[in-house]
Amino acid sequence: MDAPELFDHLGTSLFRKKQSSMFGIPCFKIGRRPFIMFYENHLVCMLFDEAHAEAIGLEGATLFNPKGNAKAMGNWVQIPFAHADQWERFAIVAHDVVARM
């Protein structure tokens, strides 16, 4: 499965959500709030605390900064496809975080 297929699988099969967009970027939402996005073959997740630290510690992971300016979206971590084996776990955490908001 390639990166776009895996992202789609996570949203539609695991969470049973319809794909949407935010800033023109594919995402899956709970109500109006996105919890995962797909950007440049990366899974982008809203994460906090230990999950955030663990995700940002992965090789190639960065804070999400789609505009490329000095201010990244601090709670959003961009996780490369090289770590696809961990995408589901981080997507579940992101889903649970947003579901509690």
PDB file of N, CA and C in Angstrom:
ATOM      1  N   MET A   1       0.854  -1.177   0.000  1.00  0.00           N
ATOM      2  CA  MET A   1       0.000   0.000   0.000  1.00  0.00           C
ATOM      3  C   MET A   1       0.904   1.244   0.000  1.00  0.00           C
ATOM      4  N   ASP A   2       0.619   2.184  -0.882  1.00  0.00           N
ATOM      5  CA  ASP A   2       1.420   3.401  -0.903  1.00  0.00           C
ATOM      6  C   ASP A   2       0.858   4.414   0.106  1.00  0.00           C
ATOM      7  N   ALA A   3       1.530   5.550   0.241  1.00  0.00           N
ATOM      8  CA  ALA A   3       1.168   6.533   1.266  1.00  0.00           C
ATOM      9  C   ALA A   3      -0.268   7.053   1.128  1.00  0.00           C
ATOM     10  N   PRO A   4      -0.714   7.481  -0.067  1.00  0.00           N
ATOM     11  CA  PRO A   4      -2.090   7.966  -0.172  1.00  0.00           C
ATOM     12  C   PRO A   4      -3.128   6.888   0.143  1.00  0.00           C
ATOM     13  N   GLU A   5      -2.853   5.664  -0.286  1.00  0.00           N
ATOM     14  CA  GLU A   5      -3.782   4.561  -0.006  1.00  0.00           C
ATOM     15  C   GLU A   5      -3.861   4.275   1.490  1.00  0.00           C
ATOM     16  N   LEU A   6      -2.720   4.300   2.159  1.00  0.00           N
ATOM     17  CA  LEU A   6      -2.708   4.056   3.597  1.00  0.00           C
ATOM     18  C   LEU A   6      -3.470   5.152   4.335  1.00  0.00           C
ATOM     19  N   PHE A   7      -3.258   6.395   3.959  1.00  0.00           N
ATOM     20  CA  PHE A   7      -3.989   7.495   4.582  1.00  0.00           C
ATOM     21  C   PHE A   7      -5.498   7.310   4.400  1.00  0.00           C
ATOM     22  N   ASP A   8      -5.905   7.015   3.172  1.00  0.00           N
ATOM     23  CA  ASP A   8      -7.324   6.805   2.888  1.00  0.00           C
ATOM     24  C   ASP A   8      -7.873   5.627   3.697  1.00  0.00           C
ATOM     25  N   HIS A   9      -7.103   4.558   3.778  1.00  0.00           N
ATOM     26  CA  HIS A   9      -7.516   3.381   4.553  1.00  0.00           C
ATOM     27  C   HIS A   9      -7.723   3.743   6.029  1.00  0.00           C
ATOM     28  N   LEU A  10      -6.806   4.502   6.585  1.00  0.00           N
ATOM     29  CA  LEU A  10      -6.936   4.897   7.990  1.00  0.00           C
ATOM     30  C   LEU A  10      -8.246   5.641   8.221  1.00  0.00           C
ATOM     31  N   GLY A  11      -8.521   6.622   7.386  1.00  0.00           N
ATOM     32  CA  GLY A  11      -9.712   7.438   7.581  1.00  0.00           C
ATOM     33  C   GLY A  11     -11.006   6.710   7.307  1.00  0.00           C
ATOM     34  N   THR A  12     -11.044   5.981   6.192  1.00  0.00           N
ATOM     35  CA  THR A  12     -12.311   5.376   5.795  1.00  0.00           C
ATOM     36  C   THR A  12     -12.575   4.033   6.468  1.00  0.00           C
ATOM     37  N   SER A  13     -11.563   3.201   6.606  1.00  0.00           N
ATOM     38  CA  SER A  13     -11.768   1.869   7.177  1.00  0.00           C
ATOM     39  C   SER A  13     -11.661   1.858   8.700  1.00  0.00           C
ATOM     40  N   LEU A  14     -10.619   2.460   9.220  1.00  0.00           N
ATOM     41  CA  LEU A  14     -10.396   2.435  10.662  1.00  0.00           C
ATOM     42  C   LEU A  14     -11.374   3.339  11.406  1.00  0.00           C
ATOM     43  N   PHE A  15     -11.583   4.543  10.885  1.00  0.00           N
ATOM     44  CA  PHE A  15     -12.419   5.510  11.594  1.00  0.00           C
ATOM     45  C   PHE A  15     -13.796   5.721  10.967  1.00  0.00           C
ATOM     46  N   ARG A  16     -14.006   5.140   9.793  1.00  0.00           N
ATOM     47  CA  ARG A  16     -15.285   5.263   9.093  1.00  0.00           C
ATOM     48  C   ARG A  16     -15.713   6.726   8.896  1.00  0.00           C
ATOM     49  N   LYS A  17     -14.772   7.525   8.437  1.00  0.00           N
ATOM     50  CA  LYS A  17     -15.007   8.946   8.188  1.00  0.00           C
ATOM     51  C   LYS A  17     -14.932   9.219   6.689  1.00  0.00           C
ATOM     52  N   LYS A  18     -15.533  10.311   6.281  1.00  0.00           N
ATOM     53  CA  LYS A  18     -15.467  10.763   4.904  1.00  0.00           C
ATOM     54  C   LYS A  18     -14.329  11.767   4.789  1.00  0.00           C
ATOM     55  N   GLN A  19     -13.528  11.620   3.719  1.00  0.00           N
ATOM     56  CA  GLN A  19     -12.400  12.527   3.541  1.00  0.00           C
ATOM     57  C   GLN A  19     -12.885  13.953   3.301  1.00  0.00           C
ATOM     58  N   SER A  20     -12.182  14.894   3.877  1.00  0.00           N
ATOM     59  CA  SER A  20     -12.492  16.310   3.762  1.00  0.00           C
ATOM     60  C   SER A  20     -11.204  17.031   3.390  1.00  0.00           C
ATOM     61  N   SER A  21     -11.160  18.346   3.611  1.00  0.00           N
ATOM     62  CA  SER A  21      -9.909  19.069   3.399  1.00  0.00           C
ATOM     63  C   SER A  21      -9.831  20.260   4.346  1.00  0.00           C
ATOM     64  N   MET A  22      -8.590  20.661   4.619  1.00  0.00           N
ATOM     65  CA  MET A  22      -8.311  21.837   5.427  1.00  0.00           C
ATOM     66  C   MET A  22      -7.127  22.529   4.765  1.00  0.00           C
ATOM     67  N   PHE A  23      -7.252  23.792   4.457  1.00  0.00           N
ATOM     68  CA  PHE A  23      -6.229  24.523   3.705  1.00  0.00           C
ATOM     69  C   PHE A  23      -5.956  23.857   2.352  1.00  0.00           C
ATOM     70  N   GLY A  24      -6.935  23.135   1.807  1.00  0.00           N
ATOM     71  CA  GLY A  24      -6.744  22.411   0.562  1.00  0.00           C
ATOM     72  C   GLY A  24      -5.972  21.121   0.723  1.00  0.00           C
ATOM     73  N   ILE A  25      -5.736  20.712   1.952  1.00  0.00           N
ATOM     74  CA  ILE A  25      -4.976  19.497   2.263  1.00  0.00           C
ATOM     75  C   ILE A  25      -5.957  18.408   2.685  1.00  0.00           C
ATOM     76  N   PRO A  26      -5.843  17.196   2.119  1.00  0.00           N
ATOM     77  CA  PRO A  26      -6.752  16.114   2.506  1.00  0.00           C
ATOM     78  C   PRO A  26      -6.675  15.843   4.014  1.00  0.00           C
ATOM     79  N   CYS A  27      -7.829  15.625   4.614  1.00  0.00           N
ATOM     80  CA  CYS A  27      -7.863  15.338   6.043  1.00  0.00           C
ATOM     81  C   CYS A  27      -9.095  14.508   6.382  1.00  0.00           C
ATOM     82  N   PHE A  28      -9.121  14.028   7.598  1.00  0.00           N
ATOM     83  CA  PHE A  28     -10.295  13.390   8.176  1.00  0.00           C
ATOM     84  C   PHE A  28     -10.621  14.137   9.452  1.00  0.00           C
ATOM     85  N   LYS A  29     -11.908  14.332   9.682  1.00  0.00           N
ATOM     86  CA  LYS A  29     -12.351  15.167  10.799  1.00  0.00           C
ATOM     87  C   LYS A  29     -13.331  14.427  11.695  1.00  0.00           C
ATOM     88  N   ILE A  30     -13.416  14.927  12.912  1.00  0.00           N
ATOM     89  CA  ILE A  30     -14.492  14.572  13.837  1.00  0.00           C
ATOM     90  C   ILE A  30     -15.316  15.846  13.929  1.00  0.00           C
ATOM     91  N   GLY A  31     -16.496  15.815  13.369  1.00  0.00           N
ATOM     92  CA  GLY A  31     -17.275  17.036  13.280  1.00  0.00           C
ATOM     93  C   GLY A  31     -16.547  18.014  12.379  1.00  0.00           C
ATOM     94  N   ARG A  32     -16.194  19.165  12.927  1.00  0.00           N
ATOM     95  CA  ARG A  32     -15.478  20.183  12.139  1.00  0.00           C
ATOM     96  C   ARG A  32     -13.975  20.190  12.417  1.00  0.00           C
ATOM     97  N   ARG A  33     -13.530  19.337  13.314  1.00  0.00           N
ATOM     98  CA  ARG A  33     -12.121  19.355  13.732  1.00  0.00           C
ATOM     99  C   ARG A  33     -11.311  18.238  13.061  1.00  0.00           C
ATOM    100  N   PRO A  34     -10.274  18.595  12.328  1.00  0.00           N
ATOM    101  CA  PRO A  34      -9.421  17.560  11.734  1.00  0.00           C
ATOM    102  C   PRO A  34      -8.560  16.894  12.811  1.00  0.00           C
ATOM    103  N   PHE A  35      -8.293  15.616  12.599  1.00  0.00           N
ATOM    104  CA  PHE A  35      -7.382  14.915  13.516  1.00  0.00           C
ATOM    105  C   PHE A  35      -6.189  14.327  12.776  1.00  0.00           C
ATOM    106  N   ILE A  36      -6.350  14.026  11.486  1.00  0.00           N
ATOM    107  CA  ILE A  36      -5.214  13.618  10.659  1.00  0.00           C
ATOM    108  C   ILE A  36      -5.325  14.307   9.297  1.00  0.00           C
ATOM    109  N   MET A  37      -4.147  14.590   8.724  1.00  0.00           N
ATOM    110  CA  MET A  37      -4.062  15.178   7.388  1.00  0.00           C
ATOM    111  C   MET A  37      -2.990  14.424   6.601  1.00  0.00           C
ATOM    112  N   PHE A  38      -3.008  14.611   5.285  1.00  0.00           N
ATOM    113  CA  PHE A  38      -2.014  13.984   4.417  1.00  0.00           C
ATOM    114  C   PHE A  38      -1.323  15.081   3.629  1.00  0.00           C
ATOM    115  N   TYR A  39      -0.006  15.195   3.814  1.00  0.00           N
ATOM    116  CA  TYR A  39       0.746  16.280   3.203  1.00  0.00           C
ATOM    117  C   TYR A  39       2.113  15.772   2.752  1.00  0.00           C
ATOM    118  N   GLU A  40       2.367  15.856   1.458  1.00  0.00           N
ATOM    119  CA  GLU A  40       3.664  15.466   0.896  1.00  0.00           C
ATOM    120  C   GLU A  40       4.113  14.077   1.353  1.00  0.00           C
ATOM    121  N   ASN A  41       3.234  13.107   1.224  1.00  0.00           N
ATOM    122  CA  ASN A  41       3.491  11.707   1.607  1.00  0.00           C
ATOM    123  C   ASN A  41       3.777  11.521   3.090  1.00  0.00           C
ATOM    124  N   HIS A  42       3.293  12.440   3.904  1.00  0.00           N
ATOM    125  CA  HIS A  42       3.423  12.351   5.351  1.00  0.00           C
ATOM    126  C   HIS A  42       2.026  12.287   5.979  1.00  0.00           C
ATOM    127  N   LEU A  43       1.921  11.555   7.051  1.00  0.00           N
ATOM    128  CA  LEU A  43       0.734  11.617   7.888  1.00  0.00           C
ATOM    129  C   LEU A  43       0.960  12.759   8.864  1.00  0.00           C
ATOM    130  N   VAL A  44      -0.013  13.629   8.988  1.00  0.00           N
ATOM    131  CA  VAL A  44       0.079  14.754   9.905  1.00  0.00           C
ATOM    132  C   VAL A  44      -0.974  14.548  10.974  1.00  0.00           C
ATOM    133  N   CYS A  45      -0.537  14.491  12.230  1.00  0.00           N
ATOM    134  CA  CYS A  45      -1.439  14.194  13.352  1.00  0.00           C
ATOM    135  C   CYS A  45      -1.399  15.285  14.406  1.00  0.00           C
ATOM    136  N   MET A  46      -2.544  15.542  15.013  1.00  0.00           N
ATOM    137  CA  MET A  46      -2.585  16.432  16.170  1.00  0.00           C
ATOM    138  C   MET A  46      -2.246  15.576  17.395  1.00  0.00           C
ATOM    139  N   LEU A  47      -1.128  15.899  18.036  1.00  0.00           N
ATOM    140  CA  LEU A  47      -0.638  15.100  19.162  1.00  0.00           C
ATOM    141  C   LEU A  47      -0.196  16.004  20.306  1.00  0.00           C
ATOM    142  N   PHE A  48      -0.213  15.447  21.495  1.00  0.00           N
ATOM    143  CA  PHE A  48       0.210  16.168  22.694  1.00  0.00           C
ATOM    144  C   PHE A  48       1.080  15.257  23.552  1.00  0.00           C
ATOM    145  N   ASP A  49       1.802  15.859  24.460  1.00  0.00           N
ATOM    146  CA  ASP A  49       2.544  15.184  25.518  1.00  0.00           C
ATOM    147  C   ASP A  49       3.462  14.083  24.991  1.00  0.00           C
ATOM    148  N   GLU A  50       3.369  12.885  25.582  1.00  0.00           N
ATOM    149  CA  GLU A  50       4.286  11.799  25.234  1.00  0.00           C
ATOM    150  C   GLU A  50       4.185  11.389  23.767  1.00  0.00           C
ATOM    151  N   ALA A  51       2.966  11.319  23.246  1.00  0.00           N
ATOM    152  CA  ALA A  51       2.795  10.925  21.844  1.00  0.00           C
ATOM    153  C   ALA A  51       3.452  11.946  20.919  1.00  0.00           C
ATOM    154  N   HIS A  52       3.317  13.226  21.254  1.00  0.00           N
ATOM    155  CA  HIS A  52       3.939  14.285  20.454  1.00  0.00           C
ATOM    156  C   HIS A  52       5.458  14.133  20.491  1.00  0.00           C
ATOM    157  N   ALA A  53       6.011  13.953  21.665  1.00  0.00           N
ATOM    158  CA  ALA A  53       7.465  13.805  21.808  1.00  0.00           C
ATOM    159  C   ALA A  53       7.970  12.570  21.068  1.00  0.00           C
ATOM    160  N   GLU A  54       7.234  11.486  21.158  1.00  0.00           N
ATOM    161  CA  GLU A  54       7.640  10.255  20.477  1.00  0.00           C
ATOM    162  C   GLU A  54       7.598  10.446  18.956  1.00  0.00           C
ATOM    163  N   ALA A  55       6.531  11.047  18.457  1.00  0.00           N
ATOM    164  CA  ALA A  55       6.394  11.241  17.010  1.00  0.00           C
ATOM    165  C   ALA A  55       7.464  12.184  16.476  1.00  0.00           C
ATOM    166  N   ILE A  56       7.698  13.285  17.162  1.00  0.00           N
ATOM    167  CA  ILE A  56       8.678  14.266  16.682  1.00  0.00           C
ATOM    168  C   ILE A  56      10.100  13.695  16.760  1.00  0.00           C
ATOM    169  N   GLY A  57      10.283  12.674  17.585  1.00  0.00           N
ATOM    170  CA  GLY A  57      11.583  12.023  17.700  1.00  0.00           C
ATOM    171  C   GLY A  57      11.886  11.037  16.584  1.00  0.00           C
ATOM    172  N   LEU A  58      10.901  10.720  15.754  1.00  0.00           N
ATOM    173  CA  LEU A  58      11.129   9.804  14.643  1.00  0.00           C
ATOM    174  C   LEU A  58      11.988  10.480  13.577  1.00  0.00           C
ATOM    175  N   GLU A  59      12.864   9.729  12.971  1.00  0.00           N
ATOM    176  CA  GLU A  59      13.726  10.282  11.939  1.00  0.00           C
ATOM    177  C   GLU A  59      12.897  10.857  10.794  1.00  0.00           C
ATOM    178  N   GLY A  60      13.150  12.107  10.465  1.00  0.00           N
ATOM    179  CA  GLY A  60      12.452  12.776   9.371  1.00  0.00           C
ATOM    180  C   GLY A  60      11.155  13.459   9.772  1.00  0.00           C
ATOM    181  N   ALA A  61      10.689  13.245  10.998  1.00  0.00           N
ATOM    182  CA  ALA A  61       9.451  13.887  11.459  1.00  0.00           C
ATOM    183  C   ALA A  61       9.723  15.355  11.775  1.00  0.00           C
ATOM    184  N   THR A  62       8.730  16.195  11.500  1.00  0.00           N
ATOM    185  CA  THR A  62       8.858  17.626  11.756  1.00  0.00           C
ATOM    186  C   THR A  62       7.535  18.176  12.254  1.00  0.00           C
ATOM    187  N   LEU A  63       7.595  19.378  12.794  1.00  0.00           N
ATOM    188  CA  LEU A  63       6.351  20.077  13.087  1.00  0.00           C
ATOM    189  C   LEU A  63       5.740  20.482  11.755  1.00  0.00           C
ATOM    190  N   PHE A  64       4.440  20.429  11.670  1.00  0.00           N
ATOM    191  CA  PHE A  64       3.732  20.740  10.436  1.00  0.00           C
ATOM    192  C   PHE A  64       3.785  22.235  10.160  1.00  0.00           C
ATOM    193  N   ASN A  65       4.287  22.578   8.989  1.00  0.00           N
ATOM    194  CA  ASN A  65       4.437  23.982   8.609  1.00  0.00           C
ATOM    195  C   ASN A  65       4.144  24.115   7.111  1.00  0.00           C
ATOM    196  N   PRO A  66       2.876  24.006   6.716  1.00  0.00           N
ATOM    197  CA  PRO A  66       2.554  23.991   5.289  1.00  0.00           C
ATOM    198  C   PRO A  66       2.858  25.305   4.569  1.00  0.00           C
ATOM    199  N   LYS A  67       2.902  26.398   5.288  1.00  0.00           N
ATOM    200  CA  LYS A  67       3.184  27.695   4.661  1.00  0.00           C
ATOM    201  C   LYS A  67       4.681  27.977   4.598  1.00  0.00           C
ATOM    202  N   GLY A  68       5.478  27.163   5.293  1.00  0.00           N
ATOM    203  CA  GLY A  68       6.922  27.338   5.274  1.00  0.00           C
ATOM    204  C   GLY A  68       7.404  28.607   5.936  1.00  0.00           C
ATOM    205  N   ASN A  69       6.623  29.129   6.863  1.00  0.00           N
ATOM    206  CA  ASN A  69       7.044  30.357   7.534  1.00  0.00           C
ATOM    207  C   ASN A  69       7.647  30.040   8.900  1.00  0.00           C
ATOM    208  N   ALA A  70       7.885  31.030   9.683  1.00  0.00           N
ATOM    209  CA  ALA A  70       8.554  30.844  10.972  1.00  0.00           C
ATOM    210  C   ALA A  70       7.662  30.203  12.033  1.00  0.00           C
ATOM    211  N   LYS A  71       6.375  30.118  11.781  1.00  0.00           N
ATOM    212  CA  LYS A  71       5.469  29.604  12.807  1.00  0.00           C
ATOM    213  C   LYS A  71       4.833  28.288  12.369  1.00  0.00           C
ATOM    214  N   ALA A  72       5.372  27.189  12.871  1.00  0.00           N
ATOM    215  CA  ALA A  72       4.794  25.870  12.598  1.00  0.00           C
ATOM    216  C   ALA A  72       3.552  25.671  13.466  1.00  0.00           C
ATOM    217  N   MET A  73       2.735  24.717  13.068  1.00  0.00           N
ATOM    218  CA  MET A  73       1.547  24.379  13.846  1.00  0.00           C
ATOM    219  C   MET A  73       2.017  23.405  14.935  1.00  0.00           C
ATOM    220  N   GLY A  74       2.320  23.928  16.104  1.00  0.00           N
ATOM    221  CA  GLY A  74       3.033  23.225  17.157  1.00  0.00           C
ATOM    222  C   GLY A  74       2.511  21.888  17.624  1.00  0.00           C
ATOM    223  N   ASN A  75       1.204  21.674  17.614  1.00  0.00           N
ATOM    224  CA  ASN A  75       0.667  20.396  18.075  1.00  0.00           C
ATOM    225  C   ASN A  75       0.517  19.389  16.949  1.00  0.00           C
ATOM    226  N   TRP A  76       0.847  19.794  15.742  1.00  0.00           N
ATOM    227  CA  TRP A  76       0.715  18.915  14.578  1.00  0.00           C
ATOM    228  C   TRP A  76       2.089  18.408  14.164  1.00  0.00           C
ATOM    229  N   VAL A  77       2.222  17.078  14.093  1.00  0.00           N
ATOM    230  CA  VAL A  77       3.488  16.453  13.722  1.00  0.00           C
ATOM    231  C   VAL A  77       3.339  15.771  12.369  1.00  0.00           C
ATOM    232  N   GLN A  78       4.299  16.011  11.505  1.00  0.00           N
ATOM    233  CA  GLN A  78       4.351  15.436  10.168  1.00  0.00           C
ATOM    234  C   GLN A  78       5.233  14.193  10.239  1.00  0.00           C
ATOM    235  N   ILE A  79       4.637  13.012  10.004  1.00  0.00           N
ATOM    236  CA  ILE A  79       5.343  11.732  10.142  1.00  0.00           C
ATOM    237  C   ILE A  79       5.554  11.131   8.754  1.00  0.00           C
ATOM    238  N   PRO A  80       6.812  10.920   8.354  1.00  0.00           N
ATOM    239  CA  PRO A  80       7.092  10.414   7.010  1.00  0.00           C
ATOM    240  C   PRO A  80       6.583   8.991   6.780  1.00  0.00           C
ATOM    241  N   PHE A  81       6.384   8.669   5.506  1.00  0.00           N
ATOM    242  CA  PHE A  81       5.934   7.339   5.109  1.00  0.00           C
ATOM    243  C   PHE A  81       6.942   6.264   5.517  1.00  0.00           C
ATOM    244  N   ALA A  82       8.178   6.625   5.732  1.00  0.00           N
ATOM    245  CA  ALA A  82       9.183   5.659   6.198  1.00  0.00           C
ATOM    246  C   ALA A  82       8.761   5.019   7.520  1.00  0.00           C
ATOM    247  N   HIS A  83       7.860   5.682   8.243  1.00  0.00           N
ATOM    248  CA  HIS A  83       7.353   5.168   9.520  1.00  0.00           C
ATOM    249  C   HIS A  83       5.888   4.748   9.396  1.00  0.00           C
ATOM    250  N   ALA A  84       5.512   4.289   8.217  1.00  0.00           N
ATOM    251  CA  ALA A  84       4.119   3.893   7.953  1.00  0.00           C
ATOM    252  C   ALA A  84       3.628   2.821   8.916  1.00  0.00           C
ATOM    253  N   ASP A  85       4.550   2.007   9.414  1.00  0.00           N
ATOM    254  CA  ASP A  85       4.156   0.966  10.365  1.00  0.00           C
ATOM    255  C   ASP A  85       3.634   1.558  11.677  1.00  0.00           C
ATOM    256  N   GLN A  86       3.855   2.854  11.907  1.00  0.00           N
ATOM    257  CA  GLN A  86       3.385   3.511  13.127  1.00  0.00           C
ATOM    258  C   GLN A  86       2.239   4.501  12.870  1.00  0.00           C
ATOM    259  N   TRP A  87       1.873   4.688  11.601  1.00  0.00           N
ATOM    260  CA  TRP A  87       0.822   5.646  11.278  1.00  0.00           C
ATOM    261  C   TRP A  87      -0.490   5.335  11.994  1.00  0.00           C
ATOM    262  N   GLU A  88      -0.887   4.087  11.988  1.00  0.00           N
ATOM    263  CA  GLU A  88      -2.175   3.738  12.598  1.00  0.00           C
ATOM    264  C   GLU A  88      -2.193   4.088  14.082  1.00  0.00           C
ATOM    265  N   ARG A  89      -1.139   3.772  14.772  1.00  0.00           N
ATOM    266  CA  ARG A  89      -1.066   4.049  16.204  1.00  0.00           C
ATOM    267  C   ARG A  89      -1.179   5.546  16.483  1.00  0.00           C
ATOM    268  N   PHE A  90      -0.434   6.356  15.745  1.00  0.00           N
ATOM    269  CA  PHE A  90      -0.503   7.804  15.957  1.00  0.00           C
ATOM    270  C   PHE A  90      -1.854   8.376  15.514  1.00  0.00           C
ATOM    271  N   ALA A  91      -2.429   7.820  14.465  1.00  0.00           N
ATOM    272  CA  ALA A  91      -3.757   8.275  14.025  1.00  0.00           C
ATOM    273  C   ALA A  91      -4.811   7.988  15.089  1.00  0.00           C
ATOM    274  N   ILE A  92      -4.717   6.854  15.749  1.00  0.00           N
ATOM    275  CA  ILE A  92      -5.663   6.516  16.818  1.00  0.00           C
ATOM    276  C   ILE A  92      -5.525   7.497  17.972  1.00  0.00           C
ATOM    277  N   VAL A  93      -4.305   7.805  18.345  1.00  0.00           N
ATOM    278  CA  VAL A  93      -4.069   8.775  19.426  1.00  0.00           C
ATOM    279  C   VAL A  93      -4.655  10.135  19.044  1.00  0.00           C
ATOM    280  N   ALA A  94      -4.378  10.578  17.808  1.00  0.00           N
ATOM    281  CA  ALA A  94      -4.897  11.860  17.345  1.00  0.00           C
ATOM    282  C   ALA A  94      -6.421  11.866  17.352  1.00  0.00           C
ATOM    283  N   HIS A  95      -7.019  10.785  16.893  1.00  0.00           N
ATOM    284  CA  HIS A  95      -8.484  10.655  16.891  1.00  0.00           C
ATOM    285  C   HIS A  95      -9.032  10.808  18.309  1.00  0.00           C
ATOM    286  N   ASP A  96      -8.424  10.099  19.246  1.00  0.00           N
ATOM    287  CA  ASP A  96      -8.898  10.146  20.635  1.00  0.00           C
ATOM    288  C   ASP A  96      -8.745  11.536  21.245  1.00  0.00           C
ATOM    289  N   VAL A  97      -7.643  12.217  20.924  1.00  0.00           N
ATOM    290  CA  VAL A  97      -7.408  13.572  21.436  1.00  0.00           C
ATOM    291  C   VAL A  97      -8.507  14.513  20.937  1.00  0.00           C
ATOM    292  N   VAL A  98      -8.755  14.510  19.657  1.00  0.00           N
ATOM    293  CA  VAL A  98      -9.747  15.418  19.078  1.00  0.00           C
ATOM    294  C   VAL A  98     -11.161  15.041  19.529  1.00  0.00           C
ATOM    295  N   ALA A  99     -11.429  13.759  19.693  1.00  0.00           N
ATOM    296  CA  ALA A  99     -12.750  13.323  20.146  1.00  0.00           C
ATOM    297  C   ALA A  99     -13.067  13.856  21.549  1.00  0.00           C
ATOM    298  N   ARG A 100     -12.038  14.087  22.362  1.00  0.00           N
ATOM    299  CA  ARG A 100     -12.229  14.584  23.722  1.00  0.00           C
ATOM    300  C   ARG A 100     -12.302  16.112  23.796  1.00  0.00           C
ATOM    301  N   MET A 101     -12.039  16.804  22.701  1.00  0.00           N
ATOM    302  CA  MET A 101     -12.022  18.279  22.702  1.00  0.00           C
ATOM    303  C   MET A 101     -13.442  18.839  22.708  1.00  0.00           C
TER     304      MET A 101
END
